[in-house]
Amino acid sequence: MTSALHCRMFTLVLQPMSYAGIKSNMRSSPKVQSAHILGTRIDVTTYSKACDLMAEWIGQGQGGYVVAANVHVVMTGVWRSPFQRVVNGAQLVTSDGMPLVWGLRLLGFPEAERVYGPDLMLALCDRAQKAGWRIFLYGSEPLVLERLQRNLQQRFPKIQFVGAYAPPFRSLTPEEEARDRQRILDSGADLVFVGLGCPKQEEWMARQSPFLPVVLVGVGAAFNFHSGVVAQAPRWMMAIGLEWLFRLLQEPRRLWQRYLINNPAFVVLFAGQLLRHWLGRRQAKRVS
């Protein structure tokens, strides 16, 4: 870790209670409570409530984007404040990882549940086939998209896929992004699943959302999972917050930095936030 990142961590641990407790965000739904964990807004919701919100947006022809946040998303926001603003600008930010669920509970939301991106994708596919929503798949590789669409079509026979596109892995030009937006608009999609990985997919959704009257949902590795290209962690590992270990053992060269640097840093920084939160509550009780 660079000295600049060490300095950033030290500053965050010592800074006053600017995001230690509950906050609202102008982009979040008024129907959803939220807290900030290390500066990133996390909404307290469930699969059913998240699907209901998106159904409302689709019914109103309202665009927006949804982020499934985990420790990697939160820590990317810690190191890169512009990315944190992108996440906080989303219409909905779900708690994709168990550490964030535990964090919400410690901050005063005992009812907080995990809303895991790959499972949210399946819940939305089920809702889509019942409601007649049209779905576009954006991201990954052509072969993965082909397998993904086939697997989801078998699982949800009445689902309507109106398009799929795998963009180049490099950064896109403004002209290419405009062509991709037009491709989505021409398809008549109501819902777009975006599988570009963090932070690329969140930044892409934030750039496109003002121009697209559709709901964009970032689902990360869900494309690989549901296509069968990559195995998911066992449910028992997910439940105790060890999905990261399973994924690290699968792809150590790609993921070692994400988990072996971000996870310990998250624990240290969130411990500082939690201490400030509890001290603030004690002071408030004394004053009252």
Protein backbone atom coordinates (compact mmCIF):
# COMPACT_ATOMS: atom_id res chain seq x y z
CA MET A 1 0.00 0.00 0.00
CA THR A 2 1.41 3.41 -0.86
CA SER A 3 2.20 6.12 1.69
CA ALA A 4 -0.69 8.16 0.26
CA LEU A 5 -3.12 5.37 1.11
CA HIS A 6 -1.65 5.05 4.61
CA CYS A 7 -2.22 8.78 5.06
CA ARG A 8 -5.79 8.47 3.78
CA MET A 9 -6.50 5.64 6.26
CA PHE A 10 -4.99 7.60 9.17
CA THR A 11 -7.11 10.63 8.29
CA LEU A 12 -10.30 8.56 8.12
CA VAL A 13 -9.68 6.91 11.49
CA LEU A 14 -9.12 10.25 13.23
CA GLN A 15 -11.63 12.47 11.46
CA PRO A 16 -14.74 13.61 13.36
CA MET A 17 -18.16 11.99 13.09
CA SER A 18 -19.09 13.10 9.59
CA TYR A 19 -20.60 9.76 8.59
CA ALA A 20 -20.56 7.68 11.74
CA GLY A 21 -24.29 7.19 11.95
CA ILE A 22 -27.54 7.35 10.08
CA LYS A 23 -27.93 9.68 7.13
CA SER A 24 -30.19 10.22 4.19
CA ASN A 25 -29.19 10.89 0.59
CA MET A 26 -31.02 13.01 -1.92
CA ARG A 27 -30.79 10.28 -4.56
CA SER A 28 -32.11 7.45 -2.38
CA SER A 29 -35.80 6.60 -2.28
CA PRO A 30 -37.71 8.30 0.55
CA LYS A 31 -39.16 4.86 1.30
CA VAL A 32 -35.74 3.45 2.21
CA GLN A 33 -33.68 4.08 5.34
CA SER A 34 -29.94 4.25 4.97
CA ALA A 35 -26.66 4.58 6.83
CA HIS A 36 -23.21 5.62 5.68
CA ILE A 37 -20.39 3.12 6.11
CA LEU A 38 -17.02 4.84 5.65
CA GLY A 39 -18.78 7.52 3.65
CA THR A 40 -20.67 5.21 1.29
CA ARG A 41 -24.45 5.13 1.58
CA ILE A 42 -25.92 1.69 2.18
CA ASP A 43 -29.69 1.33 2.00
CA VAL A 44 -31.62 -0.92 4.37
CA THR A 45 -33.82 -3.02 2.12
CA THR A 46 -34.85 -6.56 1.14
CA TYR A 47 -35.11 -8.40 -2.17
CA SER A 48 -38.86 -7.84 -2.23
CA LYS A 49 -38.63 -4.13 -1.42
CA ALA A 50 -35.83 -3.59 -3.94
CA CYS A 51 -37.89 -5.29 -6.67
CA ASP A 52 -40.95 -3.24 -5.69
CA LEU A 53 -38.98 0.00 -5.98
CA MET A 54 -37.66 -0.90 -9.41
CA ALA A 55 -41.14 -1.97 -10.52
CA GLU A 56 -42.34 1.50 -9.51
CA TRP A 57 -39.57 3.21 -11.48
CA ILE A 58 -40.21 1.07 -14.55
CA GLY A 59 -43.95 1.73 -14.32
CA GLN A 60 -43.26 5.47 -14.24
CA GLY A 61 -40.74 5.34 -17.09
CA GLN A 62 -38.12 6.63 -14.65
CA GLY A 63 -34.45 5.90 -15.19
CA GLY A 64 -31.89 5.27 -12.49
CA TYR A 65 -29.13 2.93 -11.41
CA VAL A 66 -28.71 0.40 -8.62
CA VAL A 67 -25.42 -0.52 -6.93
CA ALA A 68 -24.86 -3.79 -5.07
CA ALA A 69 -22.20 -2.67 -2.59
CA ASN A 70 -19.68 -4.88 -0.84
CA VAL A 71 -16.42 -4.17 1.00
CA HIS A 72 -14.61 -3.78 -2.33
CA VAL A 73 -17.08 -1.07 -3.41
CA VAL A 74 -16.85 0.73 -0.06
CA MET A 75 -13.06 0.63 0.05
CA THR A 76 -12.76 1.77 -3.56
CA GLY A 77 -14.81 4.76 -2.42
CA VAL A 78 -12.43 5.32 0.48
CA TRP A 79 -9.40 5.43 -1.81
CA ARG A 80 -11.20 7.32 -4.60
CA SER A 81 -13.68 9.95 -3.46
CA PRO A 82 -15.08 10.57 -7.00
CA PHE A 83 -16.12 6.92 -7.09
CA GLN A 84 -17.79 7.29 -3.70
CA ARG A 85 -19.88 10.13 -5.14
CA VAL A 86 -20.89 7.84 -8.01
CA VAL A 87 -22.14 5.19 -5.58
CA ASN A 88 -23.91 7.72 -3.38
CA GLY A 89 -25.65 9.10 -6.45
CA ALA A 90 -27.41 5.80 -7.13
CA GLN A 91 -31.16 5.49 -6.61
CA LEU A 92 -30.55 2.34 -4.54
CA VAL A 93 -27.44 0.88 -2.90
CA THR A 94 -27.94 -2.62 -1.52
CA SER A 95 -25.83 -4.47 1.05
CA ASP A 96 -24.27 -7.09 -1.23
CA GLY A 97 -21.82 -8.39 1.39
CA MET A 98 -22.33 -9.71 4.92
CA PRO A 99 -19.77 -7.32 6.49
CA LEU A 100 -21.99 -4.42 5.40
CA VAL A 101 -25.07 -6.15 6.83
CA TRP A 102 -23.26 -6.53 10.15
CA GLY A 103 -22.17 -2.91 9.91
CA LEU A 104 -25.75 -1.72 9.39
CA ARG A 105 -26.91 -3.75 12.38
CA LEU A 106 -24.18 -2.27 14.58
CA LEU A 107 -25.22 1.21 13.43
CA GLY A 108 -28.77 0.66 14.64
CA PHE A 109 -30.56 -1.34 11.93
CA PRO A 110 -31.15 -4.81 13.43
CA GLU A 111 -33.51 -5.66 10.57
CA ALA A 112 -30.80 -5.21 7.90
CA GLU A 113 -30.55 -8.09 5.42
CA ARG A 114 -28.16 -9.05 2.68
CA VAL A 115 -29.34 -8.15 -0.83
CA TYR A 116 -26.73 -10.01 -2.87
CA GLY A 117 -26.29 -8.89 -6.48
CA PRO A 118 -26.50 -12.35 -8.14
CA ASP A 119 -29.62 -13.25 -6.12
CA LEU A 120 -31.15 -9.84 -6.79
CA MET A 121 -30.67 -10.53 -10.49
CA LEU A 122 -32.65 -13.78 -10.18
CA ALA A 123 -35.38 -12.07 -8.16
CA LEU A 124 -35.68 -9.40 -10.84
CA CYS A 125 -35.78 -12.01 -13.61
CA ASP A 126 -38.66 -13.72 -11.82
CA ARG A 127 -40.46 -10.39 -11.45
CA ALA A 128 -39.69 -9.52 -15.08
CA GLN A 129 -41.30 -12.64 -16.52
CA LYS A 130 -44.44 -11.97 -14.48
CA ALA A 131 -44.61 -8.26 -15.30
CA GLY A 132 -43.51 -8.48 -18.93
CA TRP A 133 -40.38 -6.37 -18.49
CA ARG A 134 -37.89 -6.43 -21.34
CA ILE A 135 -34.29 -7.13 -20.37
CA PHE A 136 -30.96 -6.14 -21.91
CA LEU A 137 -27.64 -7.72 -20.85
CA TYR A 138 -24.56 -5.47 -21.01
CA GLY A 139 -21.01 -6.56 -20.20
CA SER A 140 -18.74 -9.61 -20.00
CA GLU A 141 -17.91 -11.61 -23.17
CA PRO A 142 -20.08 -12.88 -26.04
CA LEU A 143 -19.76 -16.55 -25.00
CA VAL A 144 -20.67 -15.74 -21.39
CA LEU A 145 -23.68 -13.70 -22.52
CA GLU A 146 -24.85 -16.55 -24.75
CA ARG A 147 -24.65 -19.07 -21.89
CA LEU A 148 -26.17 -16.63 -19.43
CA GLN A 149 -29.16 -15.92 -21.64
CA ARG A 150 -29.70 -19.63 -22.30
CA ASN A 151 -29.54 -20.55 -18.60
CA LEU A 152 -31.87 -17.75 -17.52
CA GLN A 153 -34.32 -18.57 -20.32
CA GLN A 154 -34.47 -22.16 -19.09
CA ARG A 155 -35.04 -21.03 -15.51
CA PHE A 156 -37.55 -18.29 -16.40
CA PRO A 157 -39.34 -19.50 -19.57
CA LYS A 158 -41.44 -16.36 -20.05
CA ILE A 159 -38.60 -13.88 -19.68
CA GLN A 160 -38.07 -11.43 -22.56
CA PHE A 161 -34.48 -10.69 -23.57
CA VAL A 162 -34.37 -7.89 -26.11
CA GLY A 163 -30.62 -7.55 -26.49
CA ALA A 164 -27.15 -8.40 -25.23
CA TYR A 165 -23.83 -6.71 -25.88
CA ALA A 166 -20.27 -7.29 -24.69
CA PRO A 167 -18.27 -4.05 -25.06
CA PRO A 168 -14.48 -4.06 -25.48
CA PHE A 169 -12.52 -4.40 -22.24
CA ARG A 170 -10.68 -1.14 -22.88
CA SER A 171 -12.10 2.29 -22.05
CA LEU A 172 -14.85 3.31 -24.45
CA THR A 173 -14.84 6.54 -26.42
CA PRO A 174 -17.78 8.96 -26.02
CA GLU A 175 -18.91 7.94 -29.51
CA GLU A 176 -18.90 4.25 -28.56
CA GLU A 177 -20.85 4.94 -25.39
CA ALA A 178 -23.40 6.92 -27.40
CA ARG A 179 -23.79 3.98 -29.80
CA ASP A 180 -24.31 1.60 -26.88
CA ARG A 181 -26.96 3.89 -25.40
CA GLN A 182 -28.75 3.95 -28.74
CA ARG A 183 -28.53 0.17 -28.92
CA ILE A 184 -30.28 -0.07 -25.54
CA LEU A 185 -32.89 2.54 -26.48
CA ASP A 186 -33.64 0.82 -29.79
CA SER A 187 -34.16 -2.50 -27.99
CA GLY A 188 -37.05 -1.11 -25.94
CA ALA A 189 -35.53 -2.50 -22.73
CA ASP A 190 -37.06 -1.70 -19.35
CA LEU A 191 -34.22 -3.17 -17.30
CA VAL A 192 -30.50 -3.48 -18.05
CA PHE A 193 -28.25 -5.84 -16.12
CA VAL A 194 -24.68 -4.50 -16.18
CA GLY A 195 -21.79 -6.89 -15.61
CA LEU A 196 -18.59 -4.88 -16.02
CA GLY A 197 -17.15 -5.29 -12.51
CA CYS A 198 -16.31 -2.65 -9.93
CA PRO A 199 -15.57 0.24 -10.39
CA LYS A 200 -16.18 0.18 -14.15
CA GLN A 201 -19.86 -0.76 -14.03
CA GLU A 202 -20.82 1.85 -11.43
CA GLU A 203 -19.04 4.60 -13.33
CA TRP A 204 -20.61 3.45 -16.62
CA MET A 205 -24.11 3.44 -15.11
CA ALA A 206 -23.65 6.92 -13.64
CA ARG A 207 -22.60 8.28 -17.04
CA GLN A 208 -25.42 6.62 -18.98
CA SER A 209 -28.30 6.99 -16.53
CA PRO A 210 -29.15 10.64 -17.37
CA PHE A 211 -29.70 9.63 -21.00
CA LEU A 212 -31.57 6.35 -20.53
CA PRO A 213 -35.17 6.05 -19.24
CA VAL A 214 -34.43 2.51 -18.03
CA VAL A 215 -33.33 0.92 -14.76
CA LEU A 216 -29.64 -0.08 -14.73
CA VAL A 217 -28.59 -2.72 -12.21
CA GLY A 218 -24.92 -3.48 -11.60
CA VAL A 219 -24.56 -7.17 -10.78
CA GLY A 220 -20.81 -7.70 -11.08
CA ALA A 221 -19.81 -11.36 -11.15
CA ALA A 222 -23.42 -12.55 -11.52
CA PHE A 223 -22.92 -12.96 -15.27
CA ASN A 224 -20.10 -15.45 -14.66
CA PHE A 225 -21.99 -17.24 -11.90
CA HIS A 226 -25.32 -17.67 -13.68
CA SER A 227 -23.66 -18.62 -16.97
CA GLY A 228 -21.80 -21.41 -15.17
CA VAL A 229 -18.37 -20.02 -16.07
CA VAL A 230 -17.39 -19.45 -12.41
CA ALA A 231 -18.61 -21.39 -9.36
CA GLN A 232 -20.33 -19.55 -6.52
CA ALA A 233 -19.23 -19.96 -2.92
CA PRO A 234 -21.28 -22.41 -0.81
CA ARG A 235 -24.17 -20.72 1.00
CA TRP A 236 -22.67 -21.51 4.40
CA MET A 237 -19.53 -19.56 3.48
CA MET A 238 -21.66 -16.63 2.32
CA ALA A 239 -23.63 -16.66 5.58
CA ILE A 240 -20.52 -16.26 7.73
CA GLY A 241 -18.84 -13.70 5.48
CA LEU A 242 -16.23 -16.01 3.92
CA GLU A 243 -17.27 -15.76 0.29
CA TRP A 244 -14.16 -13.61 -0.26
CA LEU A 245 -11.93 -16.54 0.77
CA PHE A 246 -13.62 -18.88 -1.70
CA ARG A 247 -13.18 -16.36 -4.51
CA LEU A 248 -9.58 -15.63 -3.51
CA LEU A 249 -8.75 -19.34 -3.74
CA GLN A 250 -10.38 -19.44 -7.19
CA GLU A 251 -8.58 -16.38 -8.61
CA PRO A 252 -5.62 -15.51 -6.33
CA ARG A 253 -3.62 -13.53 -8.89
CA ARG A 254 -6.55 -11.28 -9.77
CA LEU A 255 -8.13 -10.87 -6.34
CA TRP A 256 -5.32 -10.96 -3.77
CA GLN A 257 -4.95 -7.18 -3.57
CA ARG A 258 -8.72 -6.62 -3.34
CA TYR A 259 -9.10 -8.90 -0.34
CA LEU A 260 -5.75 -8.92 1.47
CA ILE A 261 -5.50 -5.10 1.51
CA ASN A 262 -9.11 -3.94 1.48
CA ASN A 263 -10.52 -6.35 4.06
CA PRO A 264 -8.09 -5.52 6.91
CA ALA A 265 -8.31 -1.81 6.07
CA PHE A 266 -12.11 -1.99 6.21
CA VAL A 267 -12.03 -3.62 9.66
CA VAL A 268 -9.71 -0.93 11.05
CA LEU A 269 -11.59 2.00 9.54
CA PHE A 270 -15.05 0.73 10.42
CA ALA A 271 -13.93 0.05 14.00
CA GLY A 272 -13.01 3.73 14.20
CA GLN A 273 -16.36 4.78 12.74
CA LEU A 274 -18.26 2.51 15.11
CA LEU A 275 -16.37 3.87 18.12
CA ARG A 276 -17.25 7.43 17.11
CA HIS A 277 -20.86 6.39 16.56
CA TRP A 278 -21.16 4.85 20.02
CA LEU A 279 -19.40 7.78 21.72
CA GLY A 280 -21.72 10.18 19.91
CA ARG A 281 -24.78 8.28 21.13
CA ARG A 282 -23.49 8.34 24.72
CA GLN A 283 -22.90 12.08 24.54
CA ALA A 284 -26.37 12.62 23.09
CA LYS A 285 -27.95 10.65 25.94
CA ARG A 286 -26.08 12.73 28.51
CA VAL A 287 -27.23 15.98 26.92
CA SER A 288 -30.86 14.84 26.76
